[in-house]
N, C-alpha and C. Protein backbone atom coordinates (compact mmCIF):
# COMPACT_ATOMS: atom_id res chain seq x y z
N MET A 1 3.46 13.71 -24.56
CA MET A 1 4.34 12.63 -24.15
C MET A 1 4.73 12.73 -22.67
N THR A 2 4.89 13.94 -22.17
CA THR A 2 5.27 14.12 -20.78
C THR A 2 4.21 13.55 -19.85
N ILE A 3 2.94 13.77 -20.20
CA ILE A 3 1.85 13.26 -19.36
C ILE A 3 1.90 11.74 -19.31
N ILE A 4 2.11 11.11 -20.45
CA ILE A 4 2.16 9.65 -20.48
C ILE A 4 3.34 9.14 -19.66
N SER A 5 4.52 9.73 -19.83
CA SER A 5 5.67 9.26 -19.08
C SER A 5 5.51 9.54 -17.59
N THR A 6 4.87 10.65 -17.23
CA THR A 6 4.60 10.94 -15.82
C THR A 6 3.65 9.90 -15.25
N GLN A 7 2.60 9.56 -15.98
CA GLN A 7 1.66 8.54 -15.52
C GLN A 7 2.34 7.18 -15.42
N THR A 8 3.18 6.86 -16.38
CA THR A 8 3.91 5.60 -16.35
C THR A 8 4.84 5.56 -15.14
N GLY A 9 5.53 6.67 -14.89
CA GLY A 9 6.42 6.74 -13.74
C GLY A 9 5.67 6.60 -12.43
N MET A 10 4.50 7.23 -12.34
CA MET A 10 3.69 7.12 -11.12
C MET A 10 3.22 5.69 -10.93
N GLN A 11 2.77 5.04 -12.02
CA GLN A 11 2.34 3.64 -11.94
C GLN A 11 3.49 2.76 -11.44
N ARG A 12 4.67 2.99 -11.99
CA ARG A 12 5.84 2.20 -11.59
C ARG A 12 6.13 2.42 -10.12
N SER A 13 6.12 3.68 -9.67
CA SER A 13 6.38 3.97 -8.27
C SER A 13 5.33 3.34 -7.37
N LEU A 14 4.07 3.43 -7.77
CA LEU A 14 3.01 2.81 -6.97
C LEU A 14 3.20 1.31 -6.88
N ARG A 15 3.50 0.70 -7.98
CA ARG A 15 3.71 -0.76 -7.98
C ARG A 15 4.91 -1.15 -7.12
N GLN A 16 5.99 -0.38 -7.20
CA GLN A 16 7.15 -0.65 -6.36
C GLN A 16 6.78 -0.51 -4.88
N CYS A 17 6.02 0.51 -4.55
CA CYS A 17 5.62 0.73 -3.16
C CYS A 17 4.69 -0.37 -2.67
N LEU A 18 3.77 -0.80 -3.52
CA LEU A 18 2.87 -1.88 -3.13
C LEU A 18 3.65 -3.18 -2.93
N SER A 19 4.64 -3.42 -3.76
CA SER A 19 5.48 -4.62 -3.59
C SER A 19 6.26 -4.56 -2.29
N LEU A 20 6.85 -3.39 -2.01
CA LEU A 20 7.59 -3.23 -0.76
C LEU A 20 6.65 -3.41 0.43
N MET A 21 5.48 -2.80 0.35
CA MET A 21 4.52 -2.91 1.45
C MET A 21 4.14 -4.37 1.68
N ALA A 22 3.84 -5.09 0.62
CA ALA A 22 3.46 -6.51 0.76
C ALA A 22 4.58 -7.31 1.41
N ALA A 23 5.81 -7.09 0.96
CA ALA A 23 6.95 -7.82 1.53
C ALA A 23 7.12 -7.50 3.01
N LEU A 24 7.05 -6.22 3.35
CA LEU A 24 7.20 -5.83 4.76
C LEU A 24 6.08 -6.37 5.63
N LEU A 25 4.87 -6.35 5.10
CA LEU A 25 3.75 -6.90 5.87
C LEU A 25 3.99 -8.37 6.19
N TYR A 26 4.36 -9.15 5.18
CA TYR A 26 4.61 -10.57 5.40
C TYR A 26 5.77 -10.79 6.37
N GLN A 27 6.84 -10.01 6.24
CA GLN A 27 7.99 -10.15 7.13
C GLN A 27 7.63 -9.86 8.58
N HIS A 28 6.59 -9.05 8.79
CA HIS A 28 6.19 -8.67 10.15
C HIS A 28 4.92 -9.37 10.61
N GLY A 29 4.58 -10.47 9.93
CA GLY A 29 3.48 -11.30 10.39
C GLY A 29 2.09 -10.84 10.00
N HIS A 30 1.99 -9.95 9.02
CA HIS A 30 0.70 -9.46 8.55
C HIS A 30 0.36 -10.11 7.21
N VAL A 31 -0.86 -9.95 6.80
CA VAL A 31 -1.31 -10.43 5.50
C VAL A 31 -1.86 -9.23 4.72
N LEU A 32 -2.08 -9.41 3.43
CA LEU A 32 -2.56 -8.30 2.60
C LEU A 32 -3.92 -7.78 3.06
N GLU A 33 -4.74 -8.64 3.65
CA GLU A 33 -6.03 -8.19 4.14
C GLU A 33 -5.90 -7.08 5.18
N THR A 34 -4.74 -7.00 5.81
CA THR A 34 -4.51 -5.96 6.80
C THR A 34 -4.74 -4.58 6.19
N VAL A 35 -4.37 -4.40 4.93
CA VAL A 35 -4.51 -3.10 4.29
C VAL A 35 -5.59 -3.05 3.22
N THR A 36 -6.18 -4.19 2.88
CA THR A 36 -7.21 -4.19 1.83
C THR A 36 -8.62 -4.16 2.36
N ILE A 37 -8.80 -4.45 3.62
CA ILE A 37 -10.14 -4.42 4.23
C ILE A 37 -10.25 -3.13 5.04
N GLY A 38 -11.24 -2.31 4.67
CA GLY A 38 -11.38 -0.97 5.22
C GLY A 38 -11.41 -0.87 6.73
N HIS A 39 -12.01 -1.82 7.41
CA HIS A 39 -12.12 -1.72 8.87
C HIS A 39 -10.89 -2.26 9.60
N ARG A 40 -9.90 -2.74 8.85
CA ARG A 40 -8.66 -3.22 9.47
C ARG A 40 -7.61 -2.14 9.37
N GLY A 41 -6.61 -2.31 8.55
CA GLY A 41 -5.59 -1.29 8.36
C GLY A 41 -4.45 -1.38 9.35
N LEU A 42 -3.44 -0.56 9.08
CA LEU A 42 -2.24 -0.51 9.92
C LEU A 42 -2.39 0.61 10.93
N ASP A 43 -2.19 0.29 12.21
CA ASP A 43 -2.23 1.34 13.22
C ASP A 43 -0.87 2.06 13.24
N ARG A 44 -0.81 3.14 13.98
CA ARG A 44 0.41 3.96 14.01
C ARG A 44 1.61 3.19 14.55
N ASP A 45 1.41 2.30 15.53
CA ASP A 45 2.53 1.52 16.07
C ASP A 45 3.11 0.59 15.01
N THR A 46 2.24 -0.03 14.22
CA THR A 46 2.70 -0.93 13.17
C THR A 46 3.46 -0.14 12.10
N ILE A 47 2.96 1.03 11.77
CA ILE A 47 3.65 1.87 10.79
C ILE A 47 5.03 2.26 11.32
N ASP A 48 5.14 2.54 12.62
CA ASP A 48 6.44 2.83 13.21
C ASP A 48 7.39 1.64 13.07
N GLU A 49 6.87 0.42 13.25
CA GLU A 49 7.68 -0.79 13.07
C GLU A 49 8.18 -0.90 11.63
N LEU A 50 7.29 -0.65 10.68
CA LEU A 50 7.66 -0.75 9.27
C LEU A 50 8.69 0.32 8.90
N GLU A 51 8.54 1.51 9.46
CA GLU A 51 9.53 2.57 9.22
C GLU A 51 10.89 2.17 9.78
N ALA A 52 10.90 1.54 10.94
CA ALA A 52 12.17 1.10 11.54
C ALA A 52 12.80 -0.03 10.72
N ALA A 53 11.97 -0.85 10.11
CA ALA A 53 12.47 -1.99 9.34
C ALA A 53 12.98 -1.61 7.96
N SER A 54 12.45 -0.52 7.40
CA SER A 54 12.83 -0.14 6.04
C SER A 54 12.90 1.37 5.91
N SER A 55 14.04 1.83 5.44
CA SER A 55 14.19 3.27 5.23
C SER A 55 13.32 3.75 4.07
N ASP A 56 12.84 2.83 3.23
CA ASP A 56 11.98 3.19 2.10
C ASP A 56 10.50 3.30 2.46
N TRP A 57 10.13 2.81 3.64
CA TRP A 57 8.71 2.80 3.98
C TRP A 57 8.10 4.20 3.94
N HIS A 58 8.75 5.17 4.55
CA HIS A 58 8.19 6.52 4.64
C HIS A 58 7.94 7.10 3.25
N ILE A 59 8.87 6.90 2.34
CA ILE A 59 8.71 7.40 0.96
C ILE A 59 7.52 6.71 0.30
N CYS A 60 7.44 5.40 0.45
CA CYS A 60 6.33 4.67 -0.17
C CYS A 60 4.99 5.07 0.44
N GLN A 61 4.95 5.24 1.73
CA GLN A 61 3.71 5.67 2.36
C GLN A 61 3.26 7.01 1.78
N ARG A 62 4.21 7.93 1.63
CA ARG A 62 3.89 9.24 1.07
C ARG A 62 3.39 9.12 -0.37
N ILE A 63 4.03 8.29 -1.18
CA ILE A 63 3.60 8.09 -2.57
C ILE A 63 2.20 7.49 -2.61
N LEU A 64 1.95 6.52 -1.76
CA LEU A 64 0.62 5.90 -1.72
C LEU A 64 -0.45 6.91 -1.32
N GLU A 65 -0.15 7.75 -0.35
CA GLU A 65 -1.12 8.76 0.08
C GLU A 65 -1.31 9.85 -0.98
N GLN A 66 -0.22 10.35 -1.55
CA GLN A 66 -0.33 11.42 -2.54
C GLN A 66 -1.06 10.98 -3.79
N SER A 67 -0.95 9.72 -4.14
CA SER A 67 -1.63 9.19 -5.32
C SER A 67 -3.07 8.80 -5.01
N GLU A 68 -3.45 8.94 -3.75
CA GLU A 68 -4.77 8.54 -3.27
C GLU A 68 -5.00 7.04 -3.41
N SER A 69 -3.91 6.28 -3.32
CA SER A 69 -3.99 4.82 -3.32
C SER A 69 -4.15 4.27 -1.91
N ALA A 70 -3.87 5.11 -0.91
CA ALA A 70 -4.02 4.72 0.49
C ALA A 70 -4.36 5.96 1.30
N VAL A 71 -5.07 5.74 2.40
CA VAL A 71 -5.49 6.82 3.28
C VAL A 71 -5.50 6.31 4.72
N PHE A 72 -5.58 7.24 5.65
CA PHE A 72 -5.90 6.88 7.02
C PHE A 72 -7.41 6.95 7.14
N ASN A 73 -8.02 5.85 7.55
CA ASN A 73 -9.49 5.80 7.63
C ASN A 73 -10.00 6.47 8.91
N GLU A 74 -11.29 6.39 9.12
CA GLU A 74 -11.92 7.03 10.28
C GLU A 74 -11.45 6.44 11.62
N HIS A 75 -10.81 5.27 11.57
CA HIS A 75 -10.26 4.63 12.78
C HIS A 75 -8.77 4.93 12.93
N ASP A 76 -8.26 5.88 12.11
CA ASP A 76 -6.85 6.26 12.09
C ASP A 76 -5.95 5.08 11.76
N ARG A 77 -6.41 4.29 10.79
CA ARG A 77 -5.64 3.15 10.32
C ARG A 77 -5.36 3.33 8.84
N PHE A 78 -4.17 2.93 8.43
CA PHE A 78 -3.71 3.08 7.06
C PHE A 78 -4.26 1.93 6.22
N VAL A 79 -5.06 2.25 5.22
CA VAL A 79 -5.67 1.24 4.35
C VAL A 79 -5.57 1.68 2.89
N LEU A 80 -5.64 0.71 2.01
CA LEU A 80 -5.66 1.02 0.59
C LEU A 80 -7.04 1.48 0.16
N THR A 81 -7.08 2.40 -0.76
CA THR A 81 -8.33 2.84 -1.36
C THR A 81 -8.69 1.86 -2.48
N GLU A 82 -9.78 2.12 -3.16
CA GLU A 82 -10.17 1.27 -4.28
C GLU A 82 -9.06 1.23 -5.33
N LEU A 83 -8.46 2.37 -5.62
CA LEU A 83 -7.35 2.42 -6.58
C LEU A 83 -6.19 1.55 -6.13
N GLY A 84 -5.80 1.66 -4.88
CA GLY A 84 -4.71 0.86 -4.34
C GLY A 84 -5.01 -0.62 -4.38
N ARG A 85 -6.25 -0.98 -4.00
CA ARG A 85 -6.64 -2.40 -4.04
C ARG A 85 -6.63 -2.92 -5.47
N ASP A 86 -7.14 -2.12 -6.41
CA ASP A 86 -7.14 -2.56 -7.81
C ASP A 86 -5.72 -2.83 -8.31
N LEU A 87 -4.80 -1.93 -8.01
CA LEU A 87 -3.41 -2.13 -8.42
C LEU A 87 -2.81 -3.36 -7.74
N LEU A 88 -3.07 -3.52 -6.46
CA LEU A 88 -2.55 -4.66 -5.72
C LEU A 88 -3.06 -5.96 -6.30
N PHE A 89 -4.35 -6.04 -6.57
CA PHE A 89 -4.93 -7.26 -7.12
C PHE A 89 -4.45 -7.50 -8.54
N ASP A 90 -4.21 -6.43 -9.29
CA ASP A 90 -3.66 -6.56 -10.63
C ASP A 90 -2.26 -7.17 -10.57
N MET A 91 -1.49 -6.78 -9.58
CA MET A 91 -0.12 -7.27 -9.44
C MET A 91 -0.04 -8.68 -8.88
N PHE A 92 -0.80 -8.95 -7.84
CA PHE A 92 -0.67 -10.22 -7.11
C PHE A 92 -1.81 -11.18 -7.36
N GLY A 93 -2.84 -10.74 -8.04
CA GLY A 93 -3.99 -11.59 -8.29
C GLY A 93 -5.03 -11.42 -7.22
N GLU A 94 -6.27 -11.53 -7.62
CA GLU A 94 -7.39 -11.36 -6.70
C GLU A 94 -7.31 -12.32 -5.52
N GLY A 95 -6.76 -13.51 -5.74
CA GLY A 95 -6.64 -14.50 -4.67
C GLY A 95 -5.56 -14.18 -3.66
N ALA A 96 -4.77 -13.14 -3.92
CA ALA A 96 -3.70 -12.79 -2.99
C ALA A 96 -4.26 -12.29 -1.66
N ALA A 97 -5.46 -11.78 -1.70
CA ALA A 97 -6.16 -11.35 -0.48
C ALA A 97 -7.59 -11.86 -0.58
N ASP A 98 -8.16 -12.20 0.53
CA ASP A 98 -9.49 -12.81 0.52
C ASP A 98 -10.61 -11.79 0.53
N CYS A 99 -10.45 -10.70 -0.17
CA CYS A 99 -11.55 -9.77 -0.32
C CYS A 99 -11.56 -9.29 -1.76
N ALA A 100 -12.74 -9.01 -2.26
CA ALA A 100 -12.85 -8.58 -3.65
C ALA A 100 -13.29 -7.14 -3.70
């Protein structure tokens, strides 16, 4: 039972973080494609802006990275992994971002 509740808790945390991320992106003039397309992503300056805008950003970024739902790519940009994209599309629908 502990494993199931731990997995459920992690799913809930990931979903909360993805929701926060989506809201912050929109508030700062970005779209979901910013983090769902591998060659785009958030640069360090944008992440600094999001941290300044929300005290929860740093925690969510850490949860996304630790769960392997997001990574810094080879261009040093923060992007969602396949797991992160799957969860995001499950939450907001495939049409929420123009990539499949």
